Amino acid sequence: QLSLNRVEFSNMAGVPVLGMRDMAAFGHISRSGRILKRALDLVLILLLSVPTLLVMAVLALIIKLDSPGPIFYTSPRVGREGRVFNMYKFRSMVTDADEQKESLRELNEADGPLFKIKNDPRQTRTGRLIRRLSLDELPQVFNVLLGQMSLVGPRPPLPEEVALYKPWHHQRLAVVGGMTGLWQVSGRSDLSFDELCLLDIYYIENWTLGSDVRILLQTIPHLVSRKGAY
């Protein structure tokens, strides 16, 4: 499952040789590409800032009235080249959800290092709805503004997940993580972890500004359909 632009041809004493480009040198978005990507993020956030803030204000009020606990949930995540940062989300679970995780391990429906339960008993009433619509991810616009994330890219993993990665899985950490990505518009939680990684690596190797725009546009119908969202 190798993309063709990772393949290179050369000639050795008249014999054609097929080889692979080094991922360390090839599997990154160029500096000019990162600048364009960052510009797209900032322009879109600026254009959508007013409706985004209004929706966030309404959700914050609903979450506060629905269950005791903070409005926001902060989660340590691994970003580009292994840098750890705090990712922001709206709280969608009870306040001791992290402490309950181990006791629910046998209910895990994801493979690999991921942990997902379709009908997670830790979710609040509001949390169940906002997770289905991915509205719990909206506070990550602040991570994007801080340069820790992008609108489009591989989902930033937990440190405990990265600790279980196989060597080739680390290739998905070559770029800044995103709020949405190729994985989200290609099946989300219905895909295996290896399929997720392959899609992320393909995205990195074949990135263009147009691909980011297409993924953003494809994200909207996928959010409405809620397919694979839990």
C-alpha atoms as a PDB file:
ATOM      1  CA  GLN A   1       0.000   0.000   0.000  1.00  0.00           C
ATOM      2  CA  LEU A   2       2.561   2.487  -1.230  1.00  0.00           C
ATOM      3  CA  SER A   3       1.777   5.755  -2.998  1.00  0.00           C
ATOM      4  CA  LEU A   4       3.601   6.121  -6.284  1.00  0.00           C
ATOM      5  CA  ASN A   5       5.186   9.464  -5.441  1.00  0.00           C
ATOM      6  CA  ARG A   6       7.279   7.699  -2.796  1.00  0.00           C
ATOM      7  CA  VAL A   7       8.822   5.556  -5.518  1.00  0.00           C
ATOM      8  CA  GLU A   8      11.927   6.724  -7.362  1.00  0.00           C
ATOM      9  CA  PHE A   9      13.703   5.306 -10.386  1.00  0.00           C
ATOM     10  CA  SER A  10      17.431   5.418 -11.051  1.00  0.00           C
ATOM     11  CA  ASN A  11      19.973   3.821 -13.342  1.00  0.00           C
ATOM     12  CA  MET A  12      22.936   1.763 -12.150  1.00  0.00           C
ATOM     13  CA  ALA A  13      25.399   0.759 -14.874  1.00  0.00           C
ATOM     14  CA  GLY A  14      22.566   0.562 -17.379  1.00  0.00           C
ATOM     15  CA  VAL A  15      20.271  -1.411 -15.059  1.00  0.00           C
ATOM     16  CA  PRO A  16      17.023   0.329 -14.038  1.00  0.00           C
ATOM     17  CA  VAL A  17      16.648   0.368 -10.251  1.00  0.00           C
ATOM     18  CA  LEU A  18      13.418   0.870  -8.309  1.00  0.00           C
ATOM     19  CA  GLY A  19      13.702   2.408  -4.854  1.00  0.00           C
ATOM     20  CA  MET A  20      11.816   4.268  -2.120  1.00  0.00           C
ATOM     21  CA  ARG A  21      12.339   7.830  -0.995  1.00  0.00           C
ATOM     22  CA  ASP A  22      13.368   8.209   2.658  1.00  0.00           C
ATOM     23  CA  MET A  23      10.313   9.044   4.773  1.00  0.00           C
ATOM     24  CA  ALA A  24      12.427  11.237   7.050  1.00  0.00           C
ATOM     25  CA  ALA A  25      13.156  13.559   4.127  1.00  0.00           C
ATOM     26  CA  PHE A  26       9.969  13.086   2.123  1.00  0.00           C
ATOM     27  CA  GLY A  27       7.088  12.633   4.565  1.00  0.00           C
ATOM     28  CA  HIS A  28       6.684  16.269   5.536  1.00  0.00           C
ATOM     29  CA  ILE A  29       4.811  19.245   4.144  1.00  0.00           C
ATOM     30  CA  SER A  30       7.283  21.818   2.800  1.00  0.00           C
ATOM     31  CA  ARG A  31       7.878  25.106   4.605  1.00  0.00           C
ATOM     32  CA  SER A  32       6.030  27.066   1.914  1.00  0.00           C
ATOM     33  CA  GLY A  33       3.187  24.549   2.143  1.00  0.00           C
ATOM     34  CA  ARG A  34       3.000  24.989   5.918  1.00  0.00           C
ATOM     35  CA  ILE A  35       2.786  28.768   5.463  1.00  0.00           C
ATOM     36  CA  LEU A  36      -0.094  28.413   2.981  1.00  0.00           C
ATOM     37  CA  LYS A  37      -1.822  25.908   5.259  1.00  0.00           C
ATOM     38  CA  ARG A  38      -1.478  28.245   8.245  1.00  0.00           C
ATOM     39  CA  ALA A  39      -2.847  31.159   6.200  1.00  0.00           C
ATOM     40  CA  LEU A  40      -5.905  29.111   5.202  1.00  0.00           C
ATOM     41  CA  ASP A  41      -6.547  28.217   8.856  1.00  0.00           C
ATOM     42  CA  LEU A  42      -6.387  31.822  10.038  1.00  0.00           C
ATOM     43  CA  VAL A  43      -8.513  33.214   7.188  1.00  0.00           C
ATOM     44  CA  LEU A  44     -11.282  30.647   7.697  1.00  0.00           C
ATOM     45  CA  ILE A  45     -11.321  31.089  11.476  1.00  0.00           C
ATOM     46  CA  LEU A  46     -11.524  34.870  11.039  1.00  0.00           C
ATOM     47  CA  LEU A  47     -14.402  34.585   8.559  1.00  0.00           C
ATOM     48  CA  LEU A  48     -16.347  32.167  10.769  1.00  0.00           C
ATOM     49  CA  SER A  49     -15.424  33.670  14.138  1.00  0.00           C
ATOM     50  CA  VAL A  50     -18.795  35.289  14.937  1.00  0.00           C
ATOM     51  CA  PRO A  51     -21.071  32.242  14.305  1.00  0.00           C
ATOM     52  CA  THR A  52     -18.499  29.937  15.905  1.00  0.00           C
ATOM     53  CA  LEU A  53     -18.368  32.000  19.109  1.00  0.00           C
ATOM     54  CA  LEU A  54     -22.183  32.218  19.247  1.00  0.00           C
ATOM     55  CA  VAL A  55     -22.553  28.434  18.939  1.00  0.00           C
ATOM     56  CA  MET A  56     -19.844  27.904  21.553  1.00  0.00           C
ATOM     57  CA  ALA A  57     -21.567  30.283  23.975  1.00  0.00           C
ATOM     58  CA  VAL A  58     -24.878  28.420  23.642  1.00  0.00           C
ATOM     59  CA  LEU A  59     -23.194  25.026  24.070  1.00  0.00           C
ATOM     60  CA  ALA A  60     -21.281  26.244  27.120  1.00  0.00           C
ATOM     61  CA  LEU A  61     -24.541  27.300  28.788  1.00  0.00           C
ATOM     62  CA  ILE A  62     -26.266  23.996  27.978  1.00  0.00           C
ATOM     63  CA  ILE A  63     -23.330  21.933  29.290  1.00  0.00           C
ATOM     64  CA  LYS A  64     -23.258  23.953  32.526  1.00  0.00           C
ATOM     65  CA  LEU A  65     -26.991  23.464  33.105  1.00  0.00           C
ATOM     66  CA  ASP A  66     -26.999  19.781  32.128  1.00  0.00           C
ATOM     67  CA  SER A  67     -24.475  18.300  34.567  1.00  0.00           C
ATOM     68  CA  PRO A  68     -22.104  19.365  37.349  1.00  0.00           C
ATOM     69  CA  GLY A  69     -18.501  19.994  36.409  1.00  0.00           C
ATOM     70  CA  PRO A  70     -16.400  22.262  34.186  1.00  0.00           C
ATOM     71  CA  ILE A  71     -17.520  23.342  30.719  1.00  0.00           C
ATOM     72  CA  PHE A  72     -14.229  22.489  29.048  1.00  0.00           C
ATOM     73  CA  TYR A  73     -12.130  19.350  29.109  1.00  0.00           C
ATOM     74  CA  THR A  74      -8.368  19.508  28.588  1.00  0.00           C
ATOM     75  CA  SER A  75      -6.568  16.477  27.196  1.00  0.00           C
ATOM     76  CA  PRO A  76      -2.793  16.040  26.663  1.00  0.00           C
ATOM     77  CA  ARG A  77      -2.095  15.206  23.022  1.00  0.00           C
ATOM     78  CA  VAL A  78       0.946  14.471  20.900  1.00  0.00           C
ATOM     79  CA  GLY A  79       1.485  16.905  18.044  1.00  0.00           C
ATOM     80  CA  ARG A  80       3.992  17.343  15.269  1.00  0.00           C
ATOM     81  CA  GLU A  81       7.261  15.444  15.834  1.00  0.00           C
ATOM     82  CA  GLY A  82       6.155  14.237  19.266  1.00  0.00           C
ATOM     83  CA  ARG A  83       5.509  17.602  20.945  1.00  0.00           C
ATOM     84  CA  VAL A  84       2.897  17.312  23.712  1.00  0.00           C
ATOM     85  CA  PHE A  85       0.244  20.027  24.121  1.00  0.00           C
ATOM     86  CA  ASN A  86      -3.134  20.453  25.841  1.00  0.00           C
ATOM     87  CA  MET A  87      -6.080  19.997  23.474  1.00  0.00           C
ATOM     88  CA  TYR A  88      -9.369  21.697  24.356  1.00  0.00           C
ATOM     89  CA  LYS A  89     -12.815  20.142  24.058  1.00  0.00           C
ATOM     90  CA  PHE A  90     -16.272  20.736  25.451  1.00  0.00           C
ATOM     91  CA  ARG A  91     -16.840  18.307  28.333  1.00  0.00           C
ATOM     92  CA  SER A  92     -19.086  15.507  27.079  1.00  0.00           C
ATOM     93  CA  MET A  93     -18.642  13.042  29.949  1.00  0.00           C
ATOM     94  CA  VAL A  94     -18.941  12.897  33.723  1.00  0.00           C
ATOM     95  CA  THR A  95     -16.114  14.534  35.641  1.00  0.00           C
ATOM     96  CA  ASP A  96     -14.456  11.229  36.677  1.00  0.00           C
ATOM     97  CA  ALA A  97     -14.539   9.722  33.176  1.00  0.00           C
ATOM     98  CA  ASP A  98     -10.765   9.242  32.993  1.00  0.00           C
ATOM     99  CA  GLU A  99     -10.743   7.344  36.285  1.00  0.00           C
ATOM    100  CA  GLN A 100     -13.441   4.977  34.960  1.00  0.00           C
ATOM    101  CA  LYS A 101     -11.571   4.170  31.742  1.00  0.00           C
ATOM    102  CA  GLU A 102      -9.695   1.103  32.975  1.00  0.00           C
ATOM    103  CA  SER A 103     -12.832  -0.477  34.418  1.00  0.00           C
ATOM    104  CA  LEU A 104     -14.493  -0.156  31.001  1.00  0.00           C
ATOM    105  CA  ARG A 105     -11.538  -1.487  29.003  1.00  0.00           C
ATOM    106  CA  GLU A 106     -13.332  -4.747  28.117  1.00  0.00           C
ATOM    107  CA  LEU A 107     -16.085  -2.745  26.372  1.00  0.00           C
ATOM    108  CA  ASN A 108     -13.609  -1.122  23.979  1.00  0.00           C
ATOM    109  CA  GLU A 109     -14.856  -1.381  20.363  1.00  0.00           C
ATOM    110  CA  ALA A 110     -11.734   0.049  18.652  1.00  0.00           C
ATOM    111  CA  ASP A 111      -8.621  -1.825  17.641  1.00  0.00           C
ATOM    112  CA  GLY A 112      -4.959  -0.971  18.100  1.00  0.00           C
ATOM    113  CA  PRO A 113      -4.151   1.620  20.759  1.00  0.00           C
ATOM    114  CA  LEU A 114      -7.509   3.436  20.410  1.00  0.00           C
ATOM    115  CA  PHE A 115     -10.241   3.351  23.058  1.00  0.00           C
ATOM    116  CA  LYS A 116     -13.825   3.910  21.878  1.00  0.00           C
ATOM    117  CA  ILE A 117     -17.220   2.728  23.083  1.00  0.00           C
ATOM    118  CA  LYS A 118     -20.219   3.425  20.858  1.00  0.00           C
ATOM    119  CA  ASN A 119     -22.649   3.896  23.744  1.00  0.00           C
ATOM    120  CA  ASP A 120     -20.178   5.072  26.348  1.00  0.00           C
ATOM    121  CA  PRO A 121     -21.898   5.044  29.781  1.00  0.00           C
ATOM    122  CA  ARG A 122     -19.724   7.980  30.899  1.00  0.00           C
ATOM    123  CA  GLN A 123     -21.388  10.398  28.478  1.00  0.00           C
ATOM    124  CA  THR A 124     -23.801  13.029  29.720  1.00  0.00           C
ATOM    125  CA  ARG A 125     -27.100  13.721  27.921  1.00  0.00           C
ATOM    126  CA  THR A 126     -25.686  16.802  26.221  1.00  0.00           C
ATOM    127  CA  GLY A 127     -22.374  15.057  25.659  1.00  0.00           C
ATOM    128  CA  ARG A 128     -24.001  12.259  23.681  1.00  0.00           C
ATOM    129  CA  LEU A 129     -25.502  14.799  21.260  1.00  0.00           C
ATOM    130  CA  ILE A 130     -22.476  17.033  20.821  1.00  0.00           C
ATOM    131  CA  ARG A 131     -20.187  14.023  20.248  1.00  0.00           C
ATOM    132  CA  ARG A 132     -22.512  12.700  17.547  1.00  0.00           C
ATOM    133  CA  LEU A 133     -22.292  16.074  15.799  1.00  0.00           C
ATOM    134  CA  SER A 134     -18.595  16.560  16.727  1.00  0.00           C
ATOM    135  CA  LEU A 135     -19.512  19.882  18.356  1.00  0.00           C
ATOM    136  CA  ASP A 136     -17.375  18.936  21.353  1.00  0.00           C
ATOM    137  CA  GLU A 137     -14.363  19.623  19.100  1.00  0.00           C
ATOM    138  CA  LEU A 138     -15.179  23.326  18.537  1.00  0.00           C
ATOM    139  CA  PRO A 139     -12.877  24.683  21.308  1.00  0.00           C
ATOM    140  CA  GLN A 140      -9.947  23.308  19.296  1.00  0.00           C
ATOM    141  CA  VAL A 141     -10.128  26.487  17.208  1.00  0.00           C
ATOM    142  CA  PHE A 142      -8.054  27.955  20.062  1.00  0.00           C
ATOM    143  CA  ASN A 143      -5.445  25.222  19.529  1.00  0.00           C
ATOM    144  CA  VAL A 144      -5.428  26.189  15.844  1.00  0.00           C
ATOM    145  CA  LEU A 145      -4.954  29.867  16.702  1.00  0.00           C
ATOM    146  CA  LEU A 146      -2.032  28.901  18.961  1.00  0.00           C
ATOM    147  CA  GLY A 147      -0.438  26.978  16.095  1.00  0.00           C
ATOM    148  CA  GLN A 148      -0.693  23.649  17.943  1.00  0.00           C
ATOM    149  CA  MET A 149      -3.223  22.262  15.454  1.00  0.00           C
ATOM    150  CA  SER A 150      -4.591  22.913  11.981  1.00  0.00           C
ATOM    151  CA  LEU A 151      -8.149  22.753  10.662  1.00  0.00           C
ATOM    152  CA  VAL A 152      -7.127  19.695   8.601  1.00  0.00           C
ATOM    153  CA  GLY A 153      -4.648  16.988   9.535  1.00  0.00           C
ATOM    154  CA  PRO A 154      -4.250  13.700  11.422  1.00  0.00           C
ATOM    155  CA  ARG A 155      -6.114  13.607  14.729  1.00  0.00           C
ATOM    156  CA  PRO A 156      -3.646  14.271  17.593  1.00  0.00           C
ATOM    157  CA  PRO A 157      -3.285  11.067  19.655  1.00  0.00           C
ATOM    158  CA  LEU A 158      -2.989  10.591  23.405  1.00  0.00           C
ATOM    159  CA  PRO A 159       0.527   9.948  24.783  1.00  0.00           C
ATOM    160  CA  GLU A 160      -0.630   6.527  26.015  1.00  0.00           C
ATOM    161  CA  GLU A 161      -1.693   5.656  22.456  1.00  0.00           C
ATOM    162  CA  VAL A 162       1.634   6.757  20.966  1.00  0.00           C
ATOM    163  CA  ALA A 163       3.426   4.519  23.481  1.00  0.00           C
ATOM    164  CA  LEU A 164       1.727   1.540  21.776  1.00  0.00           C
ATOM    165  CA  TYR A 165       2.521   2.636  18.206  1.00  0.00           C
ATOM    166  CA  LYS A 166       4.446   0.409  15.833  1.00  0.00           C
ATOM    167  CA  PRO A 167       7.419   2.210  14.224  1.00  0.00           C
ATOM    168  CA  TRP A 168       5.548   2.962  10.979  1.00  0.00           C
ATOM    169  CA  HIS A 169       2.574   4.478  12.861  1.00  0.00           C
ATOM    170  CA  HIS A 170       4.823   7.375  13.913  1.00  0.00           C
ATOM    171  CA  GLN A 171       4.800   8.656  10.338  1.00  0.00           C
ATOM    172  CA  ARG A 172       1.397  10.257  11.020  1.00  0.00           C
ATOM    173  CA  LEU A 173       3.096  12.581  13.536  1.00  0.00           C
ATOM    174  CA  ALA A 174       5.184  14.268  10.828  1.00  0.00           C
ATOM    175  CA  VAL A 175       2.728  17.193  10.562  1.00  0.00           C
ATOM    176  CA  VAL A 176       0.538  19.301  12.834  1.00  0.00           C
ATOM    177  CA  GLY A 177      -2.655  17.487  13.851  1.00  0.00           C
ATOM    178  CA  GLY A 178      -6.065  18.654  12.695  1.00  0.00           C
ATOM    179  CA  MET A 179      -9.677  19.139  13.769  1.00  0.00           C
ATOM    180  CA  THR A 180     -10.782  17.102  10.761  1.00  0.00           C
ATOM    181  CA  GLY A 181      -8.925  15.012   8.229  1.00  0.00           C
ATOM    182  CA  LEU A 182      -8.989  12.346   5.558  1.00  0.00           C
ATOM    183  CA  TRP A 183      -9.838   9.727   8.188  1.00  0.00           C
ATOM    184  CA  GLN A 184     -12.961  11.600   9.297  1.00  0.00           C
ATOM    185  CA  VAL A 185     -14.358  11.869   5.763  1.00  0.00           C
ATOM    186  CA  SER A 186     -13.488   8.248   4.921  1.00  0.00           C
ATOM    187  CA  GLY A 187     -15.324   6.297   7.598  1.00  0.00           C
ATOM    188  CA  ARG A 188     -14.224   7.658  10.993  1.00  0.00           C
ATOM    189  CA  SER A 189     -14.668   5.092  13.769  1.00  0.00           C
ATOM    190  CA  ASP A 190     -15.775   2.394  11.298  1.00  0.00           C
ATOM    191  CA  LEU A 191     -12.160   2.088  10.099  1.00  0.00           C
ATOM    192  CA  SER A 192      -9.407   0.070  11.736  1.00  0.00           C
ATOM    193  CA  PHE A 193      -6.443   1.840  13.330  1.00  0.00           C
ATOM    194  CA  ASP A 194      -4.058   0.701  10.590  1.00  0.00           C
ATOM    195  CA  GLU A 195      -6.446   2.063   7.942  1.00  0.00           C
ATOM    196  CA  LEU A 196      -6.546   5.350   9.848  1.00  0.00           C
ATOM    197  CA  CYS A 197      -2.747   5.554   9.816  1.00  0.00           C
ATOM    198  CA  LEU A 198      -2.529   4.705   6.112  1.00  0.00           C
ATOM    199  CA  LEU A 199      -4.997   7.475   5.280  1.00  0.00           C
ATOM    200  CA  ASP A 200      -3.048   9.974   7.397  1.00  0.00           C
ATOM    201  CA  ILE A 201       0.243   9.009   5.739  1.00  0.00           C
ATOM    202  CA  TYR A 202      -1.343   9.270   2.291  1.00  0.00           C
ATOM    203  CA  TYR A 203      -2.622  12.748   3.213  1.00  0.00           C
ATOM    204  CA  ILE A 204       0.859  13.859   4.309  1.00  0.00           C
ATOM    205  CA  GLU A 205       2.593  12.486   1.231  1.00  0.00           C
ATOM    206  CA  ASN A 206       0.068  13.976  -1.199  1.00  0.00           C
ATOM    207  CA  TRP A 207      -0.834  17.240   0.556  1.00  0.00           C
ATOM    208  CA  THR A 208      -2.020  20.245  -1.433  1.00  0.00           C
ATOM    209  CA  LEU A 209      -3.953  23.318  -0.376  1.00  0.00           C
ATOM    210  CA  GLY A 210      -6.798  22.051  -2.546  1.00  0.00           C
ATOM    211  CA  SER A 211      -6.903  18.773  -0.615  1.00  0.00           C
ATOM    212  CA  ASP A 212      -7.445  20.699   2.619  1.00  0.00           C
ATOM    213  CA  VAL A 213     -10.313  22.635   1.047  1.00  0.00           C
ATOM    214  CA  ARG A 214     -11.903  19.420  -0.274  1.00  0.00           C
ATOM    215  CA  ILE A 215     -11.661  17.709   3.117  1.00  0.00           C
ATOM    216  CA  LEU A 216     -13.231  20.724   4.844  1.00  0.00           C
ATOM    217  CA  LEU A 217     -16.131  20.710   2.372  1.00  0.00           C
ATOM    218  CA  GLN A 218     -16.574  16.937   2.713  1.00  0.00           C
ATOM    219  CA  THR A 219     -16.607  17.233   6.507  1.00  0.00           C
ATOM    220  CA  ILE A 220     -19.949  19.063   6.516  1.00  0.00           C
ATOM    221  CA  PRO A 221     -22.114  16.241   5.048  1.00  0.00           C
ATOM    222  CA  HIS A 222     -20.247  13.682   7.160  1.00  0.00           C
ATOM    223  CA  LEU A 223     -21.107  15.634  10.310  1.00  0.00           C
ATOM    224  CA  VAL A 224     -24.765  15.780   9.281  1.00  0.00           C
ATOM    225  CA  SER A 225     -24.907  12.056   8.486  1.00  0.00           C
ATOM    226  CA  ARG A 226     -23.075  11.210  11.760  1.00  0.00           C
ATOM    227  CA  LYS A 227     -21.771   8.015  10.154  1.00  0.00           C
ATOM    228  CA  GLY A 228     -19.046   6.415  12.254  1.00  0.00           C
ATOM    229  CA  ALA A 229     -19.278   9.150  14.913  1.00  0.00           C
ATOM    230  CA  TYR A 230     -19.064   8.076  18.566  1.00  0.00           C
END
